Amino acid sequence: MTTASFEPFSIHGANRRSRWLITCDHASNAVPPCIGGGSLGLPDEDMQRHIAYDVGAAGVTRALADALGAPAVLSNFSRMVIDPNRGLNDPTLLMKLYDGSVIPANRNADAIEKARRVDAFYSPYHNAYAELAARQGDTVIVAVHSFTPQLNGRPPRPWHIGILHAFDDRLSNALLGLLNKEDGLCVGDNEPYAGHLPGDAIDRHALQTSRANTLIELRSDLIETADQQVAWAKRLAPILTKALIQMETSDAKD
């Protein structure tokens, strides 16, 4: 079965010329028809979990893009098909076991199958991402993700929101400072994960190209509904705008 009828990415607000670019690497739990007839062989309850996609992140991404008048690029395939937020040499690019679940359609996937999925899904997403990012010289990238409140066998995660950053932490630091002033928020600095991985989406499109950036992780139980997603986007948009002003003011003084 071919991939011709499956679009591996979607662009929201394609004609918007804001310097902001909002991205969502794990927007969907869809499995293309050319892979197992559209199934990875997992039960539906697994396909609705974080192992398949970032729950609620796509809705926040679109709403945040709307609030900032910005374009957004979103993947249209499950991270278990091929993970667009991993480098091409990362051993977790094509997962065979995730949070206790064996992925039947990936169990026997070899290097040829991995390359096929990279060509069909991973590369088109990143090509679209790169094209949007390159439209302006001062693009600022905001990557939207979500995290599960609790991994199997692990303690509950207390954070409502986490800001992830690597060596270019200018925007992230400004954002963290503002979020920590928000009432009732438990904010994670490089929590629930630490930093970035070589070759991941932010590394590829922001760090290697010297673009201002930040990665936002929202706890998925806080963005399950459309109303929650819009509310978080409307809350974050003015904070991001203020953080960017602070970052650029600081840069001008250096």
Protein backbone atom coordinates (compact mmCIF):
# COMPACT_ATOMS: atom_id res chain seq x y z
CA MET A 1 0.00 0.00 0.00
CA THR A 2 1.39 3.42 -0.91
CA THR A 3 1.64 6.57 1.17
CA ALA A 4 0.19 8.77 -1.58
CA SER A 5 -3.14 9.33 0.19
CA PHE A 6 -1.61 10.16 3.57
CA GLU A 7 -0.39 13.67 4.39
CA PRO A 8 2.33 13.43 7.07
CA PHE A 9 1.92 16.99 8.36
CA SER A 10 -0.57 19.83 8.52
CA ILE A 11 -0.01 23.57 8.58
CA HIS A 12 -2.37 25.82 10.49
CA GLY A 13 -2.44 29.48 9.45
CA ALA A 14 -0.07 28.94 6.55
CA ASN A 15 -0.32 32.54 5.27
CA ARG A 16 0.37 34.20 8.61
CA ARG A 17 3.62 36.16 8.70
CA SER A 18 4.21 36.40 12.44
CA ARG A 19 7.76 35.76 13.54
CA TRP A 20 6.39 33.11 15.92
CA LEU A 21 6.30 29.52 14.68
CA ILE A 22 4.37 27.07 16.84
CA THR A 23 5.18 23.39 16.40
CA CYS A 24 3.74 20.09 17.57
CA ASP A 25 5.91 17.05 16.93
CA HIS A 26 3.55 14.56 18.59
CA ALA A 27 0.18 15.95 17.53
CA SER A 28 -1.52 12.77 16.33
CA ASN A 29 -2.01 9.09 17.13
CA ALA A 30 -2.84 8.25 13.50
CA VAL A 31 -1.22 5.25 11.83
CA PRO A 32 -0.88 5.53 8.02
CA PRO A 33 -2.68 2.85 5.98
CA CYS A 34 0.62 1.58 4.60
CA ILE A 35 1.63 0.40 8.08
CA GLY A 36 -0.32 -2.64 9.25
CA GLY A 37 -3.37 -1.47 7.34
CA GLY A 38 -3.52 1.52 9.66
CA SER A 39 -2.77 -0.33 12.89
CA LEU A 40 0.33 -0.92 15.00
CA GLY A 41 -1.35 -3.96 16.53
CA LEU A 42 -1.96 -2.25 19.88
CA PRO A 43 -5.29 -2.08 21.71
CA ASP A 44 -7.21 1.18 21.46
CA GLU A 45 -6.49 2.05 25.10
CA ASP A 46 -2.76 2.14 24.28
CA MET A 47 -3.36 4.28 21.19
CA GLN A 48 -5.14 6.82 23.39
CA ARG A 49 -2.17 7.05 25.79
CA HIS A 50 0.92 9.22 25.75
CA ILE A 51 2.87 6.42 24.12
CA ALA A 52 1.04 7.15 20.86
CA TYR A 53 0.95 10.97 20.95
CA ASP A 54 0.96 14.04 23.19
CA VAL A 55 -2.59 14.20 24.48
CA GLY A 56 -4.10 17.68 24.07
CA ALA A 57 -0.99 19.22 22.50
CA ALA A 58 -2.46 19.67 19.01
CA GLY A 59 -5.39 21.72 20.32
CA VAL A 60 -3.10 23.93 22.37
CA THR A 61 -0.81 24.38 19.36
CA ARG A 62 -3.59 25.59 17.07
CA ALA A 63 -5.12 27.82 19.74
CA LEU A 64 -1.74 29.32 20.63
CA ALA A 65 -1.02 29.96 16.95
CA ASP A 66 -4.39 31.71 16.68
CA ALA A 67 -3.72 33.81 19.79
CA LEU A 68 -0.31 34.91 18.46
CA GLY A 69 -1.42 35.28 14.84
CA ALA A 70 1.21 32.72 13.92
CA PRO A 71 1.54 29.66 11.70
CA ALA A 72 1.80 26.20 13.20
CA VAL A 73 3.13 22.91 11.84
CA LEU A 74 1.86 19.63 13.26
CA SER A 75 2.75 16.01 12.57
CA ASN A 76 -0.10 13.78 11.38
CA PHE A 77 1.33 10.42 12.46
CA SER A 78 1.90 8.65 15.75
CA ARG A 79 5.29 8.93 17.40
CA MET A 80 5.32 5.11 17.37
CA VAL A 81 5.32 5.09 13.56
CA ILE A 82 8.54 7.12 13.56
CA ASP A 83 9.36 9.79 16.13
CA PRO A 84 9.82 13.24 14.56
CA ASN A 85 11.34 14.55 17.78
CA ARG A 86 14.34 12.25 17.58
CA GLY A 87 17.53 12.52 15.60
CA LEU A 88 18.08 10.14 12.73
CA ASN A 89 20.77 8.30 14.68
CA ASP A 90 18.75 8.08 17.90
CA PRO A 91 18.00 4.45 18.87
CA THR A 92 14.51 5.52 19.99
CA LEU A 93 13.61 6.87 16.55
CA LEU A 94 11.54 3.74 15.93
CA MET A 95 10.41 2.28 19.23
CA LYS A 96 9.65 -1.41 19.76
CA LEU A 97 8.77 -1.14 23.46
CA TYR A 98 7.30 1.95 25.16
CA ASP A 99 6.24 2.36 28.80
CA GLY A 100 5.57 -1.36 29.18
CA SER A 101 3.78 -1.89 25.84
CA VAL A 102 5.36 -3.97 23.07
CA ILE A 103 4.53 -2.48 19.64
CA PRO A 104 3.70 -5.45 17.38
CA ALA A 105 4.03 -3.64 14.03
CA ASN A 106 7.50 -2.44 15.03
CA ARG A 107 8.83 -5.68 16.51
CA ASN A 108 10.40 -6.89 13.27
CA ALA A 109 11.02 -3.52 11.65
CA ASP A 110 14.49 -3.51 10.11
CA ALA A 111 16.73 -0.76 8.73
CA ILE A 112 14.91 -0.82 5.39
CA GLU A 113 11.54 -0.33 7.07
CA LYS A 114 12.93 2.45 9.25
CA ALA A 115 14.31 4.22 6.16
CA ARG A 116 10.95 3.86 4.41
CA ARG A 117 9.16 5.53 7.31
CA VAL A 118 11.76 8.29 7.49
CA ASP A 119 11.28 9.06 3.79
CA ALA A 120 7.50 8.86 3.91
CA PHE A 121 6.69 10.66 7.15
CA TYR A 122 9.64 12.03 9.12
CA SER A 123 11.38 13.93 6.32
CA PRO A 124 8.27 15.60 4.86
CA TYR A 125 7.35 16.89 8.32
CA HIS A 126 10.82 18.30 8.88
CA ASN A 127 10.97 19.78 5.38
CA ALA A 128 7.73 21.67 6.04
CA TYR A 129 9.02 22.75 9.45
CA ALA A 130 12.26 24.04 7.94
CA GLU A 131 10.47 25.90 5.17
CA LEU A 132 8.19 27.73 7.62
CA ALA A 133 11.08 28.57 9.93
CA ALA A 134 13.14 29.99 7.06
CA ARG A 135 10.47 32.40 5.81
CA GLN A 136 11.73 35.13 8.14
CA GLY A 137 15.13 35.95 9.53
CA ASP A 138 13.93 36.40 13.10
CA THR A 139 11.71 33.33 13.55
CA VAL A 140 11.01 32.33 17.15
CA ILE A 141 10.09 28.67 17.65
CA VAL A 142 7.72 27.47 20.37
CA ALA A 143 7.41 23.68 20.53
CA VAL A 144 4.30 22.41 22.31
CA HIS A 145 4.27 19.02 24.02
CA SER A 146 2.36 17.34 26.82
CA PHE A 147 3.41 14.87 29.49
CA THR A 148 1.47 12.19 31.27
CA PRO A 149 0.65 12.83 34.95
CA GLN A 150 2.24 9.51 35.90
CA LEU A 151 4.29 6.88 34.08
CA ASN A 152 3.72 3.21 34.89
CA GLY A 153 5.23 2.41 38.27
CA ARG A 154 6.52 5.95 38.79
CA PRO A 155 5.42 8.63 41.28
CA PRO A 156 2.88 11.29 40.23
CA ARG A 157 4.32 14.37 38.55
CA PRO A 158 3.45 17.61 40.37
CA TRP A 159 4.21 20.11 37.63
CA HIS A 160 1.45 21.83 35.69
CA ILE A 161 3.87 23.09 33.06
CA GLY A 162 7.52 22.50 32.28
CA ILE A 163 9.88 24.63 30.20
CA LEU A 164 12.66 22.69 28.50
CA HIS A 165 15.82 24.30 27.21
CA ALA A 166 19.39 23.56 26.24
CA PHE A 167 22.33 25.95 25.79
CA ASP A 168 20.21 28.72 24.22
CA ASP A 169 18.00 29.40 27.21
CA ARG A 170 17.36 33.11 26.62
CA LEU A 171 13.64 32.86 25.89
CA SER A 172 13.12 29.93 28.26
CA ASN A 173 14.66 31.77 31.19
CA ALA A 174 12.49 34.82 30.59
CA LEU A 175 9.44 32.59 30.28
CA LEU A 176 10.28 30.69 33.46
CA GLY A 177 10.63 33.94 35.38
CA LEU A 178 7.18 35.09 34.31
CA LEU A 179 5.48 31.72 34.86
CA ASN A 180 6.89 31.50 38.37
CA LYS A 181 5.02 34.69 39.18
CA GLU A 182 1.70 33.16 38.11
CA ASP A 183 -0.57 32.22 41.02
CA GLY A 184 -1.15 28.51 41.59
CA LEU A 185 1.26 27.19 38.99
CA CYS A 186 3.79 24.48 39.69
CA VAL A 187 6.47 25.16 37.07
CA GLY A 188 9.25 22.80 36.08
CA ASP A 189 12.64 24.05 34.88
CA ASN A 190 13.74 21.23 32.55
CA GLU A 191 11.11 19.06 34.24
CA PRO A 192 9.69 16.44 33.84
CA TYR A 193 12.59 15.85 31.43
CA ALA A 194 15.99 17.47 31.25
CA GLY A 195 17.01 19.53 28.25
CA HIS A 196 17.12 18.27 24.68
CA LEU A 197 18.59 15.41 22.67
CA PRO A 198 21.10 15.80 19.82
CA GLY A 199 19.27 15.95 16.51
CA ASP A 200 15.82 16.45 17.99
CA ALA A 201 13.43 18.97 16.43
CA ILE A 202 14.52 22.00 18.47
CA ASP A 203 18.18 21.13 18.02
CA ARG A 204 17.71 20.76 14.29
CA HIS A 205 15.56 23.80 13.59
CA ALA A 206 16.48 26.24 16.37
CA LEU A 207 19.75 25.48 18.15
CA GLN A 208 21.73 24.64 15.02
CA THR A 209 20.33 27.72 13.25
CA SER A 210 20.59 30.18 16.19
CA ARG A 211 16.85 30.80 16.37
CA ALA A 212 15.28 31.88 19.65
CA ASN A 213 13.22 29.00 21.00
CA THR A 214 11.51 27.32 23.89
CA LEU A 215 9.79 23.99 24.48
CA ILE A 216 6.62 23.94 26.55
CA GLU A 217 5.41 20.75 28.25
CA LEU A 218 1.86 20.81 29.66
CA ARG A 219 0.49 18.07 31.89
CA SER A 220 -2.02 16.22 29.76
CA ASP A 221 -4.83 15.99 32.31
CA LEU A 222 -4.97 19.81 32.25
CA ILE A 223 -5.54 20.02 28.48
CA GLU A 224 -7.91 17.16 27.75
CA THR A 225 -10.81 19.29 26.48
CA ALA A 226 -11.00 21.96 23.80
CA ASP A 227 -11.95 24.57 26.39
CA GLN A 228 -8.89 23.72 28.50
CA GLN A 229 -6.65 23.88 25.45
CA VAL A 230 -7.93 27.31 24.44
CA ALA A 231 -7.68 28.59 28.01
CA TRP A 232 -4.03 27.57 28.29
CA ALA A 233 -3.24 29.09 24.89
CA LYS A 234 -4.85 32.39 25.87
CA ARG A 235 -2.94 32.34 29.14
CA LEU A 236 0.40 31.58 27.51
CA ALA A 237 0.22 33.95 24.51
CA PRO A 238 0.70 37.24 26.43
CA ILE A 239 3.32 35.65 28.67
CA LEU A 240 5.30 34.50 25.65
CA THR A 241 5.01 37.94 24.09
CA LYS A 242 6.32 39.56 27.26
CA ALA A 243 9.10 36.97 27.57
CA LEU A 244 10.28 37.72 24.03
CA ILE A 245 10.41 41.46 24.79
CA GLN A 246 12.41 40.76 27.94
CA MET A 247 14.79 38.49 26.04
CA GLU A 248 15.44 41.04 23.32
CA THR A 249 15.84 43.88 25.83
CA SER A 250 18.42 41.79 27.66
CA ASP A 251 20.19 40.90 24.40
CA ALA A 252 20.36 44.60 23.46
CA LYS A 253 22.13 45.40 26.74
CA ASP A 254 24.78 42.70 26.29
